[in-house]
Full PDB file with SEQRES, HELIX, SHEET, SSBOND, CRYST1, ORIGX, SCALE, CONECT and MASTER records, all heavy atoms in Angstrom:
SEQRES   1 A   41  HIS ALA TRP ASP ALA GLY LEU LEU LEU GLU VAL ALA VAL          
SEQRES   2 A   41  PRO VAL ALA LEU LYS LYS ALA LYS PRO GLY THR LYS GLU          
SEQRES   3 A   41  PHE ARG GLU ALA LEU ARG ALA ALA LEU GLU SER ILE GLN          
SEQRES   4 A   41  GLY LEU                                                      
HELIX    1 AA1 ALA A    2  LEU A   17  1                                  16    
HELIX    2 AA2 LYS A   25  LEU A   35  1                                  11    
CRYST1    1.000    1.000    1.000  90.00  90.00  90.00 P 1           1          
ORIGX1      1.000000  0.000000  0.000000        0.00000                         
ORIGX2      0.000000  1.000000  0.000000        0.00000                         
ORIGX3      0.000000  0.000000  1.000000        0.00000                         
SCALE1      1.000000  0.000000  0.000000        0.00000                         
SCALE2      0.000000  1.000000  0.000000        0.00000                         
SCALE3      0.000000  0.000000  1.000000        0.00000                         
ATOM      1  N   HIS A   1     -13.368  41.463 -12.145  1.00  0.00           N  
ATOM      2  CA  HIS A   1     -13.689  40.088 -12.576  1.00  0.00           C  
ATOM      3  C   HIS A   1     -12.818  39.706 -13.783  1.00  0.00           C  
ATOM      4  O   HIS A   1     -12.266  38.606 -13.844  1.00  0.00           O  
ATOM      5  CB  HIS A   1     -15.171  39.945 -12.899  1.00  0.00           C  
ATOM      6  CG  HIS A   1     -16.069  40.168 -11.741  1.00  0.00           C  
ATOM      7  ND1 HIS A   1     -15.970  39.464 -10.560  1.00  0.00           N  
ATOM      8  CD2 HIS A   1     -17.047  41.076 -11.554  1.00  0.00           C  
ATOM      9  CE1 HIS A   1     -16.891  39.908  -9.712  1.00  0.00           C  
ATOM     10  NE2 HIS A   1     -17.542  40.893 -10.295  1.00  0.00           N  
ATOM     11  N   ALA A   2     -12.732  40.601 -14.744  1.00  0.00           N  
ATOM     12  CA  ALA A   2     -11.927  40.346 -15.936  1.00  0.00           C  
ATOM     13  C   ALA A   2     -10.447  40.230 -15.565  1.00  0.00           C  
ATOM     14  O   ALA A   2      -9.734  39.355 -16.063  1.00  0.00           O  
ATOM     15  CB  ALA A   2     -12.141  41.452 -16.966  1.00  0.00           C  
ATOM     16  N   TRP A   3      -9.983  41.100 -14.674  1.00  0.00           N  
ATOM     17  CA  TRP A   3      -8.576  41.077 -14.246  1.00  0.00           C  
ATOM     18  C   TRP A   3      -8.234  39.735 -13.610  1.00  0.00           C  
ATOM     19  O   TRP A   3      -7.212  39.127 -13.932  1.00  0.00           O  
ATOM     20  CB  TRP A   3      -8.326  42.224 -13.270  1.00  0.00           C  
ATOM     21  CG  TRP A   3      -6.922  42.315 -12.796  1.00  0.00           C  
ATOM     22  CD1 TRP A   3      -6.395  41.822 -11.643  1.00  0.00           C  
ATOM     23  CD2 TRP A   3      -5.830  42.950 -13.486  1.00  0.00           C  
ATOM     24  NE1 TRP A   3      -5.057  42.132 -11.547  1.00  0.00           N  
ATOM     25  CE2 TRP A   3      -4.680  42.811 -12.666  1.00  0.00           C  
ATOM     26  CE3 TRP A   3      -5.724  43.618 -14.694  1.00  0.00           C  
ATOM     27  CZ2 TRP A   3      -3.443  43.330 -13.032  1.00  0.00           C  
ATOM     28  CZ3 TRP A   3      -4.474  44.154 -15.047  1.00  0.00           C  
ATOM     29  CH2 TRP A   3      -3.360  43.995 -14.228  1.00  0.00           C  
ATOM     30  N   ASP A   4      -9.090  39.288 -12.725  1.00  0.00           N  
ATOM     31  CA  ASP A   4      -8.826  38.021 -12.036  1.00  0.00           C  
ATOM     32  C   ASP A   4      -8.843  36.841 -13.003  1.00  0.00           C  
ATOM     33  O   ASP A   4      -8.033  35.906 -12.862  1.00  0.00           O  
ATOM     34  CB  ASP A   4      -9.826  37.806 -10.896  1.00  0.00           C  
ATOM     35  CG  ASP A   4      -9.531  38.682  -9.694  1.00  0.00           C  
ATOM     36  OD1 ASP A   4      -8.577  39.494  -9.742  1.00  0.00           O  
ATOM     37  OD2 ASP A   4     -10.260  38.549  -8.694  1.00  0.00           O  
ATOM     38  N   ALA A   5      -9.708  36.886 -14.004  1.00  0.00           N  
ATOM     39  CA  ALA A   5      -9.709  35.833 -15.015  1.00  0.00           C  
ATOM     40  C   ALA A   5      -8.354  35.806 -15.724  1.00  0.00           C  
ATOM     41  O   ALA A   5      -7.797  34.732 -15.991  1.00  0.00           O  
ATOM     42  CB  ALA A   5     -10.828  36.065 -16.029  1.00  0.00           C  
ATOM     43  N   GLY A   6      -7.807  36.999 -15.988  1.00  0.00           N  
ATOM     44  CA  GLY A   6      -6.481  37.067 -16.597  1.00  0.00           C  
ATOM     45  C   GLY A   6      -5.395  36.504 -15.698  1.00  0.00           C  
ATOM     46  O   GLY A   6      -4.492  35.823 -16.157  1.00  0.00           O  
ATOM     47  N   LEU A   7      -5.492  36.801 -14.401  1.00  0.00           N  
ATOM     48  CA  LEU A   7      -4.510  36.246 -13.449  1.00  0.00           C  
ATOM     49  C   LEU A   7      -4.564  34.735 -13.426  1.00  0.00           C  
ATOM     50  O   LEU A   7      -3.506  34.057 -13.370  1.00  0.00           O  
ATOM     51  CB  LEU A   7      -4.744  36.819 -12.039  1.00  0.00           C  
ATOM     52  CG  LEU A   7      -4.484  38.311 -11.840  1.00  0.00           C  
ATOM     53  CD1 LEU A   7      -4.847  38.710 -10.410  1.00  0.00           C  
ATOM     54  CD2 LEU A   7      -3.045  38.665 -12.174  1.00  0.00           C  
ATOM     55  N   LEU A   8      -5.762  34.178 -13.433  1.00  0.00           N  
ATOM     56  CA  LEU A   8      -5.925  32.725 -13.441  1.00  0.00           C  
ATOM     57  C   LEU A   8      -5.303  32.115 -14.711  1.00  0.00           C  
ATOM     58  O   LEU A   8      -4.603  31.107 -14.648  1.00  0.00           O  
ATOM     59  CB  LEU A   8      -7.411  32.331 -13.342  1.00  0.00           C  
ATOM     60  CG  LEU A   8      -8.041  32.597 -11.976  1.00  0.00           C  
ATOM     61  CD1 LEU A   8      -9.564  32.588 -12.090  1.00  0.00           C  
ATOM     62  CD2 LEU A   8      -7.575  31.559 -10.954  1.00  0.00           C  
ATOM     63  N   LEU A   9      -5.518  32.764 -15.839  1.00  0.00           N  
ATOM     64  CA  LEU A   9      -4.956  32.267 -17.094  1.00  0.00           C  
ATOM     65  C   LEU A   9      -3.433  32.422 -17.123  1.00  0.00           C  
ATOM     66  O   LEU A   9      -2.745  31.556 -17.679  1.00  0.00           O  
ATOM     67  CB  LEU A   9      -5.583  32.967 -18.282  1.00  0.00           C  
ATOM     68  CG  LEU A   9      -7.035  32.573 -18.557  1.00  0.00           C  
ATOM     69  CD1 LEU A   9      -7.644  33.458 -19.641  1.00  0.00           C  
ATOM     70  CD2 LEU A   9      -7.124  31.101 -18.919  1.00  0.00           C  
ATOM     71  N   GLU A  10      -2.918  33.474 -16.529  1.00  0.00           N  
ATOM     72  CA  GLU A  10      -1.462  33.655 -16.435  1.00  0.00           C  
ATOM     73  C   GLU A  10      -0.785  32.481 -15.748  1.00  0.00           C  
ATOM     74  O   GLU A  10       0.337  32.117 -16.078  1.00  0.00           O  
ATOM     75  CB  GLU A  10      -1.125  34.934 -15.674  1.00  0.00           C  
ATOM     76  CG  GLU A  10      -0.855  36.123 -16.499  1.00  0.00           C  
ATOM     77  CD  GLU A  10      -0.415  37.325 -15.653  1.00  0.00           C  
ATOM     78  OE1 GLU A  10      -0.205  37.214 -14.427  1.00  0.00           O  
ATOM     79  OE2 GLU A  10      -0.294  38.403 -16.234  1.00  0.00           O  
ATOM     80  N   VAL A  11      -1.464  31.933 -14.781  1.00  0.00           N  
ATOM     81  CA  VAL A  11      -0.931  30.781 -14.036  1.00  0.00           C  
ATOM     82  C   VAL A  11      -1.159  29.483 -14.822  1.00  0.00           C  
ATOM     83  O   VAL A  11      -0.250  28.648 -14.937  1.00  0.00           O  
ATOM     84  CB  VAL A  11      -1.573  30.675 -12.629  1.00  0.00           C  
ATOM     85  CG1 VAL A  11      -1.183  29.381 -11.938  1.00  0.00           C  
ATOM     86  CG2 VAL A  11      -1.206  31.880 -11.775  1.00  0.00           C  
ATOM     87  N   ALA A  12      -2.345  29.299 -15.358  1.00  0.00           N  
ATOM     88  CA  ALA A  12      -2.714  28.018 -15.946  1.00  0.00           C  
ATOM     89  C   ALA A  12      -2.162  27.779 -17.354  1.00  0.00           C  
ATOM     90  O   ALA A  12      -1.803  26.655 -17.696  1.00  0.00           O  
ATOM     91  CB  ALA A  12      -4.231  27.884 -15.958  1.00  0.00           C  
ATOM     92  N   VAL A  13      -2.109  28.799 -18.183  1.00  0.00           N  
ATOM     93  CA  VAL A  13      -1.695  28.586 -19.586  1.00  0.00           C  
ATOM     94  C   VAL A  13      -0.280  28.049 -19.698  1.00  0.00           C  
ATOM     95  O   VAL A  13      -0.059  27.085 -20.438  1.00  0.00           O  
ATOM     96  CB  VAL A  13      -1.928  29.864 -20.422  1.00  0.00           C  
ATOM     97  CG1 VAL A  13      -1.226  29.749 -21.784  1.00  0.00           C  
ATOM     98  CG2 VAL A  13      -3.404  30.138 -20.606  1.00  0.00           C  
ATOM     99  N   PRO A  14       0.698  28.603 -19.008  1.00  0.00           N  
ATOM    100  CA  PRO A  14       2.043  28.036 -19.103  1.00  0.00           C  
ATOM    101  C   PRO A  14       2.111  26.541 -18.717  1.00  0.00           C  
ATOM    102  O   PRO A  14       2.857  25.779 -19.299  1.00  0.00           O  
ATOM    103  CB  PRO A  14       2.893  28.892 -18.169  1.00  0.00           C  
ATOM    104  CG  PRO A  14       2.161  30.170 -18.075  1.00  0.00           C  
ATOM    105  CD  PRO A  14       0.703  29.814 -18.161  1.00  0.00           C  
ATOM    106  N   VAL A  15       1.322  26.144 -17.723  1.00  0.00           N  
ATOM    107  CA  VAL A  15       1.271  24.749 -17.305  1.00  0.00           C  
ATOM    108  C   VAL A  15       0.692  23.903 -18.427  1.00  0.00           C  
ATOM    109  O   VAL A  15       1.228  22.837 -18.775  1.00  0.00           O  
ATOM    110  CB  VAL A  15       0.452  24.597 -15.999  1.00  0.00           C  
ATOM    111  CG1 VAL A  15       0.268  23.127 -15.649  1.00  0.00           C  
ATOM    112  CG2 VAL A  15       1.111  25.344 -14.854  1.00  0.00           C  
ATOM    113  N   ALA A  16      -0.392  24.360 -19.021  1.00  0.00           N  
ATOM    114  CA  ALA A  16      -1.050  23.614 -20.098  1.00  0.00           C  
ATOM    115  C   ALA A  16      -0.175  23.546 -21.352  1.00  0.00           C  
ATOM    116  O   ALA A  16      -0.154  22.515 -22.038  1.00  0.00           O  
ATOM    117  CB  ALA A  16      -2.398  24.248 -20.432  1.00  0.00           C  
ATOM    118  N   LEU A  17       0.583  24.614 -21.626  1.00  0.00           N  
ATOM    119  CA  LEU A  17       1.462  24.608 -22.802  1.00  0.00           C  
ATOM    120  C   LEU A  17       2.576  23.565 -22.726  1.00  0.00           C  
ATOM    121  O   LEU A  17       3.078  23.116 -23.752  1.00  0.00           O  
ATOM    122  CB  LEU A  17       2.081  26.006 -22.999  1.00  0.00           C  
ATOM    123  CG  LEU A  17       1.170  27.081 -23.563  1.00  0.00           C  
ATOM    124  CD1 LEU A  17       1.831  28.437 -23.500  1.00  0.00           C  
ATOM    125  CD2 LEU A  17       0.733  26.723 -24.982  1.00  0.00           C  
ATOM    126  N   LYS A  18       2.926  23.174 -21.523  1.00  0.00           N  
ATOM    127  CA  LYS A  18       3.955  22.137 -21.363  1.00  0.00           C  
ATOM    128  C   LYS A  18       3.422  20.764 -21.710  1.00  0.00           C  
ATOM    129  O   LYS A  18       4.184  19.820 -21.923  1.00  0.00           O  
ATOM    130  CB  LYS A  18       4.460  22.120 -19.920  1.00  0.00           C  
ATOM    131  CG  LYS A  18       5.246  23.349 -19.538  1.00  0.00           C  
ATOM    132  CD  LYS A  18       5.671  23.307 -18.078  1.00  0.00           C  
ATOM    133  CE  LYS A  18       6.394  24.600 -17.715  1.00  0.00           C  
ATOM    134  NZ  LYS A  18       6.722  24.656 -16.293  1.00  0.00           N  
ATOM    135  N   LYS A  19       2.095  20.642 -21.812  1.00  0.00           N  
ATOM    136  CA  LYS A  19       1.475  19.334 -22.046  1.00  0.00           C  
ATOM    137  C   LYS A  19       0.856  19.171 -23.401  1.00  0.00           C  
ATOM    138  O   LYS A  19       0.689  18.040 -23.874  1.00  0.00           O  
ATOM    139  CB  LYS A  19       0.437  19.063 -20.958  1.00  0.00           C  
ATOM    140  CG  LYS A  19       1.037  19.025 -19.577  1.00  0.00           C  
ATOM    141  CD  LYS A  19       0.030  18.705 -18.532  1.00  0.00           C  
ATOM    142  CE  LYS A  19       0.770  18.666 -17.201  1.00  0.00           C  
ATOM    143  NZ  LYS A  19      -0.058  18.343 -16.091  1.00  0.00           N  
ATOM    144  N   ALA A  20       0.488  20.287 -24.053  1.00  0.00           N  
ATOM    145  CA  ALA A  20      -0.195  20.143 -25.325  1.00  0.00           C  
ATOM    146  C   ALA A  20      -0.165  21.464 -26.121  1.00  0.00           C  
ATOM    147  O   ALA A  20       0.197  22.509 -25.593  1.00  0.00           O  
ATOM    148  CB  ALA A  20      -1.667  19.731 -25.085  1.00  0.00           C  
ATOM    149  N   LYS A  21      -0.525  21.354 -27.375  1.00  0.00           N  
ATOM    150  CA  LYS A  21      -0.527  22.490 -28.274  1.00  0.00           C  
ATOM    151  C   LYS A  21      -1.905  23.164 -28.270  1.00  0.00           C  
ATOM    152  O   LYS A  21      -2.933  22.507 -28.312  1.00  0.00           O  
ATOM    153  CB  LYS A  21      -0.230  21.988 -29.684  1.00  0.00           C  
ATOM    154  CG  LYS A  21      -0.104  23.093 -30.709  1.00  0.00           C  
ATOM    155  CD  LYS A  21       0.258  22.529 -32.066  1.00  0.00           C  
ATOM    156  CE  LYS A  21       0.315  23.678 -33.075  1.00  0.00           C  
ATOM    157  NZ  LYS A  21       0.596  23.221 -34.404  1.00  0.00           N  
ATOM    158  N   PRO A  22      -1.926  24.518 -28.228  1.00  0.00           N  
ATOM    159  CA  PRO A  22      -3.199  25.245 -28.237  1.00  0.00           C  
ATOM    160  C   PRO A  22      -4.046  24.820 -29.443  1.00  0.00           C  
ATOM    161  O   PRO A  22      -3.552  24.520 -30.498  1.00  0.00           O  
ATOM    162  CB  PRO A  22      -2.781  26.699 -28.336  1.00  0.00           C  
ATOM    163  CG  PRO A  22      -1.418  26.743 -27.743  1.00  0.00           C  
ATOM    164  CD  PRO A  22      -0.782  25.427 -28.122  1.00  0.00           C  
ATOM    165  N   GLY A  23      -5.364  24.816 -29.213  1.00  0.00           N  
ATOM    166  CA  GLY A  23      -6.295  24.455 -30.252  1.00  0.00           C  
ATOM    167  C   GLY A  23      -6.647  22.986 -30.292  1.00  0.00           C  
ATOM    168  O   GLY A  23      -7.484  22.580 -31.081  1.00  0.00           O  
ATOM    169  N   THR A  24      -5.996  22.213 -29.428  1.00  0.00           N  
ATOM    170  CA  THR A  24      -6.263  20.786 -29.405  1.00  0.00           C  
ATOM    171  C   THR A  24      -7.120  20.405 -28.203  1.00  0.00           C  
ATOM    172  O   THR A  24      -7.181  21.149 -27.213  1.00  0.00           O  
ATOM    173  CB  THR A  24      -4.959  19.976 -29.350  1.00  0.00           C  
ATOM    174  OG1 THR A  24      -4.312  20.258 -28.096  1.00  0.00           O  
ATOM    175  CG2 THR A  24      -4.023  20.317 -30.509  1.00  0.00           C  
ATOM    176  N   LYS A  25      -7.735  19.247 -28.312  1.00  0.00           N  
ATOM    177  CA  LYS A  25      -8.509  18.721 -27.174  1.00  0.00           C  
ATOM    178  C   LYS A  25      -7.601  18.518 -25.980  1.00  0.00           C  
ATOM    179  O   LYS A  25      -7.979  18.828 -24.843  1.00  0.00           O  
ATOM    180  CB  LYS A  25      -9.188  17.413 -27.566  1.00  0.00           C  
ATOM    181  CG  LYS A  25      -9.988  16.801 -26.447  1.00  0.00           C  
ATOM    182  CD  LYS A  25     -10.594  15.476 -26.853  1.00  0.00           C  
ATOM    183  CE  LYS A  25     -11.352  14.926 -25.674  1.00  0.00           C  
ATOM    184  NZ  LYS A  25     -11.533  13.512 -25.714  1.00  0.00           N  
ATOM    185  N   GLU A  26      -6.389  18.058 -26.228  1.00  0.00           N  
ATOM    186  CA  GLU A  26      -5.445  17.812 -25.128  1.00  0.00           C  
ATOM    187  C   GLU A  26      -5.075  19.117 -24.410  1.00  0.00           C  
ATOM    188  O   GLU A  26      -4.922  19.123 -23.192  1.00  0.00           O  
ATOM    189  CB  GLU A  26      -4.170  17.140 -25.684  1.00  0.00           C  
ATOM    190  CG  GLU A  26      -4.390  15.732 -26.184  1.00  0.00           C  
ATOM    191  CD  GLU A  26      -5.022  15.647 -27.588  1.00  0.00           C  
ATOM    192  OE1 GLU A  26      -5.038  16.686 -28.308  1.00  0.00           O  
ATOM    193  OE2 GLU A  26      -5.534  14.573 -27.924  1.00  0.00           O  
ATOM    194  N   PHE A  27      -4.945  20.207 -25.179  1.00  0.00           N  
ATOM    195  CA  PHE A  27      -4.651  21.493 -24.552  1.00  0.00           C  
ATOM    196  C   PHE A  27      -5.823  21.933 -23.667  1.00  0.00           C  
ATOM    197  O   PHE A  27      -5.605  22.410 -22.543  1.00  0.00           O  
ATOM    198  CB  PHE A  27      -4.350  22.567 -25.599  1.00  0.00           C  
ATOM    199  CG  PHE A  27      -4.030  23.894 -24.979  1.00  0.00           C  
ATOM    200  CD1 PHE A  27      -2.783  24.157 -24.419  1.00  0.00           C  
ATOM    201  CD2 PHE A  27      -4.973  24.893 -24.920  1.00  0.00           C  
ATOM    202  CE1 PHE A  27      -2.487  25.367 -23.836  1.00  0.00           C  
ATOM    203  CE2 PHE A  27      -4.715  26.126 -24.340  1.00  0.00           C  
ATOM    204  CZ  PHE A  27      -3.437  26.357 -23.785  1.00  0.00           C  
ATOM    205  N   ARG A  28      -7.018  21.817 -24.178  1.00  0.00           N  
ATOM    206  CA  ARG A  28      -8.191  22.215 -23.392  1.00  0.00           C  
ATOM    207  C   ARG A  28      -8.270  21.405 -22.097  1.00  0.00           C  
ATOM    208  O   ARG A  28      -8.552  21.943 -21.031  1.00  0.00           O  
ATOM    209  CB  ARG A  28      -9.460  22.100 -24.219  1.00  0.00           C  
ATOM    210  CG  ARG A  28      -9.561  23.146 -25.309  1.00  0.00           C  
ATOM    211  CD  ARG A  28     -10.910  23.151 -26.004  1.00  0.00           C  
ATOM    212  NE  ARG A  28     -11.184  21.922 -26.739  1.00  0.00           N  
ATOM    213  CZ  ARG A  28     -10.746  21.649 -27.951  1.00  0.00           C  
ATOM    214  NH1 ARG A  28      -9.990  22.512 -28.584  1.00  0.00           N  
ATOM    215  NH2 ARG A  28     -11.057  20.502 -28.543  1.00  0.00           N  
ATOM    216  N   GLU A  29      -7.990  20.113 -22.186  1.00  0.00           N  
ATOM    217  CA  GLU A  29      -7.994  19.272 -20.985  1.00  0.00           C  
ATOM    218  C   GLU A  29      -6.866  19.667 -20.029  1.00  0.00           C  
ATOM    219  O   GLU A  29      -7.077  19.709 -18.808  1.00  0.00           O  
ATOM    220  CB  GLU A  29      -7.876  17.806 -21.390  1.00  0.00           C  
ATOM    221  CG  GLU A  29      -9.122  17.262 -22.072  1.00  0.00           C  
ATOM    222  CD  GLU A  29      -8.957  15.889 -22.668  1.00  0.00           C  
ATOM    223  OE1 GLU A  29      -7.820  15.347 -22.659  1.00  0.00           O  
ATOM    224  OE2 GLU A  29      -9.954  15.348 -23.160  1.00  0.00           O  
ATOM    225  N   ALA A  30      -5.701  19.970 -20.579  1.00  0.00           N  
ATOM    226  CA  ALA A  30      -4.567  20.386 -19.752  1.00  0.00           C  
ATOM    227  C   ALA A  30      -4.855  21.739 -19.085  1.00  0.00           C  
ATOM    228  O   ALA A  30      -4.490  21.976 -17.917  1.00  0.00           O  
ATOM    229  CB  ALA A  30      -3.292  20.447 -20.580  1.00  0.00           C  
ATOM    230  N   LEU A  31      -5.502  22.633 -19.820  1.00  0.00           N  
ATOM    231  CA  LEU A  31      -5.838  23.960 -19.277  1.00  0.00           C  
ATOM    232  C   LEU A  31      -6.840  23.802 -18.137  1.00  0.00           C  
ATOM    233  O   LEU A  31      -6.689  24.434 -17.081  1.00  0.00           O  
ATOM    234  CB  LEU A  31      -6.397  24.868 -20.379  1.00  0.00           C  
ATOM    235  CG  LEU A  31      -6.755  26.279 -19.958  1.00  0.00           C  
ATOM    236  CD1 LEU A  31      -5.546  27.018 -19.373  1.00  0.00           C  
ATOM    237  CD2 LEU A  31      -7.326  27.048 -21.137  1.00  0.00           C  
ATOM    238  N   ARG A  32      -7.826  22.976 -18.345  1.00  0.00           N  
ATOM    239  CA  ARG A  32      -8.812  22.758 -17.277  1.00  0.00           C  
ATOM    240  C   ARG A  32      -8.134  22.160 -16.038  1.00  0.00           C  
ATOM    241  O   ARG A  32      -8.372  22.627 -14.918  1.00  0.00           O  
ATOM    242  CB  ARG A  32      -9.918  21.816 -17.755  1.00  0.00           C  
ATOM    243  CG  ARG A  32     -10.957  21.540 -16.688  1.00  0.00           C  
ATOM    244  CD  ARG A  32     -12.036  20.603 -17.174  1.00  0.00           C  
ATOM    245  NE  ARG A  32     -12.975  20.357 -16.102  1.00  0.00           N  
ATOM    246  CZ  ARG A  32     -14.261  20.344 -16.255  1.00  0.00           C  
ATOM    247  NH1 ARG A  32     -14.804  20.541 -17.438  1.00  0.00           N  
ATOM    248  NH2 ARG A  32     -15.047  20.088 -15.236  1.00  0.00           N  
ATOM    249  N   ALA A  33      -7.281  21.173 -16.245  1.00  0.00           N  
ATOM    250  CA  ALA A  33      -6.571  20.559 -15.110  1.00  0.00           C  
ATOM    251  C   ALA A  33      -5.686  21.590 -14.403  1.00  0.00           C  
ATOM    252  O   ALA A  33      -5.623  21.617 -13.156  1.00  0.00           O  
ATOM    253  CB  ALA A  33      -5.747  19.367 -15.586  1.00  0.00           C  
ATOM    254  N   ALA A  34      -5.032  22.445 -15.171  1.00  0.00           N  
ATOM    255  CA  ALA A  34      -4.171  23.474 -14.567  1.00  0.00           C  
ATOM    256  C   ALA A  34      -5.009  24.466 -13.763  1.00  0.00           C  
ATOM    257  O   ALA A  34      -4.633  24.860 -12.663  1.00  0.00           O  
ATOM    258  CB  ALA A  34      -3.373  24.190 -15.660  1.00  0.00           C  
ATOM    259  N   LEU A  35      -6.143  24.891 -14.313  1.00  0.00           N  
ATOM    260  CA  LEU A  35      -7.011  25.809 -13.578  1.00  0.00           C  
ATOM    261  C   LEU A  35      -7.509  25.160 -12.292  1.00  0.00           C  
ATOM    262  O   LEU A  35      -7.542  25.794 -11.223  1.00  0.00           O  
ATOM    263  CB  LEU A  35      -8.215  26.226 -14.452  1.00  0.00           C  
ATOM    264  CG  LEU A  35      -7.909  27.248 -15.534  1.00  0.00           C  
ATOM    265  CD1 LEU A  35      -9.035  27.301 -16.548  1.00  0.00           C  
ATOM    266  CD2 LEU A  35      -7.625  28.618 -14.927  1.00  0.00           C  
ATOM    267  N   GLU A  36      -7.874  23.887 -12.377  1.00  0.00           N  
ATOM    268  CA  GLU A  36      -8.418  23.195 -11.218  1.00  0.00           C  
ATOM    269  C   GLU A  36      -7.375  22.904 -10.144  1.00  0.00           C  
ATOM    270  O   GLU A  36      -7.711  22.464  -9.045  1.00  0.00           O  
ATOM    271  CB  GLU A  36      -9.086  21.878 -11.643  1.00  0.00           C  
ATOM    272  CG  GLU A  36     -10.331  22.111 -12.440  1.00  0.00           C  
ATOM    273  CD  GLU A  36     -10.957  20.842 -12.992  1.00  0.00           C  
ATOM    274  OE1 GLU A  36     -10.269  19.795 -13.054  1.00  0.00           O  
ATOM    275  OE2 GLU A  36     -12.146  20.903 -13.368  1.00  0.00           O  
ATOM    276  N   SER A  37      -6.119  23.182 -10.445  1.00  0.00           N  
ATOM    277  CA  SER A  37      -5.071  22.957  -9.456  1.00  0.00           C  
ATOM    278  C   SER A  37      -4.520  24.241  -8.837  1.00  0.00           C  
ATOM    279  O   SER A  37      -3.607  24.185  -8.009  1.00  0.00           O  
ATOM    280  CB  SER A  37      -3.927  22.154 -10.088  1.00  0.00           C  
ATOM    281  OG  SER A  37      -3.247  22.948 -11.040  1.00  0.00           O  
ATOM    282  N   ILE A  38      -5.068  25.360  -9.218  1.00  0.00           N  
ATOM    283  CA  ILE A  38      -4.587  26.646  -8.679  1.00  0.00           C  
ATOM    284  C   ILE A  38      -4.962  26.753  -7.212  1.00  0.00           C  
ATOM    285  O   ILE A  38      -6.126  26.620  -6.843  1.00  0.00           O  
ATOM    286  CB  ILE A  38      -5.144  27.837  -9.482  1.00  0.00           C  
ATOM    287  CG1 ILE A  38      -4.535  27.818 -10.895  1.00  0.00           C  
ATOM    288  CG2 ILE A  38      -4.861  29.157  -8.760  1.00  0.00           C  
ATOM    289  CD1 ILE A  38      -5.099  28.887 -11.813  1.00  0.00           C  
ATOM    290  N   GLN A  39      -3.982  27.035  -6.384  1.00  0.00           N  
ATOM    291  CA  GLN A  39      -4.194  27.166  -4.947  1.00  0.00           C  
ATOM    292  C   GLN A  39      -3.510  28.434  -4.442  1.00  0.00           C  
ATOM    293  O   GLN A  39      -2.367  28.711  -4.800  1.00  0.00           O  
ATOM    294  CB  GLN A  39      -3.617  25.955  -4.200  1.00  0.00           C  
ATOM    295  CG  GLN A  39      -4.292  24.648  -4.538  1.00  0.00           C  
ATOM    296  CD  GLN A  39      -5.719  24.615  -4.038  1.00  0.00           C  
ATOM    297  OE1 GLN A  39      -5.975  24.722  -2.830  1.00  0.00           O  
ATOM    298  NE2 GLN A  39      -6.675  24.496  -4.938  1.00  0.00           N  
ATOM    299  N   GLY A  40      -4.214  29.200  -3.622  1.00  0.00           N  
ATOM    300  CA  GLY A  40      -3.629  30.355  -2.971  1.00  0.00           C  
ATOM    301  C   GLY A  40      -3.331  31.539  -3.859  1.00  0.00           C  
ATOM    302  O   GLY A  40      -2.492  32.356  -3.492  1.00  0.00           O  
ATOM    303  N   LEU A  41      -4.007  31.664  -4.994  1.00  0.00           N  
ATOM    304  CA  LEU A  41      -3.746  32.806  -5.876  1.00  0.00           C  
ATOM    305  C   LEU A  41      -4.449  34.028  -5.333  1.00  0.00           C  
ATOM    306  O   LEU A  41      -5.679  34.118  -5.327  1.00  0.00           O  
ATOM    307  CB  LEU A  41      -4.233  32.515  -7.312  1.00  0.00           C  
ATOM    308  CG  LEU A  41      -4.079  33.665  -8.294  1.00  0.00           C  
ATOM    309  CD1 LEU A  41      -2.601  34.015  -8.507  1.00  0.00           C  
ATOM    310  CD2 LEU A  41      -4.745  33.338  -9.608  1.00  0.00           C  
TER     311      LEU A  41                                                      
MASTER        0    0    0    2    0    0    0    6  310    1    0    4          
END                                                                             
């Protein structure tokens, strides 16, 4: 379970970093959007 959470973050964090700076509301929103768009992992 922990490993898979890491795999999901490996995909989503780089996408979110292109849109906002960590620690901001915009980053959290971008991270959520990136997670919600993961397909076929």
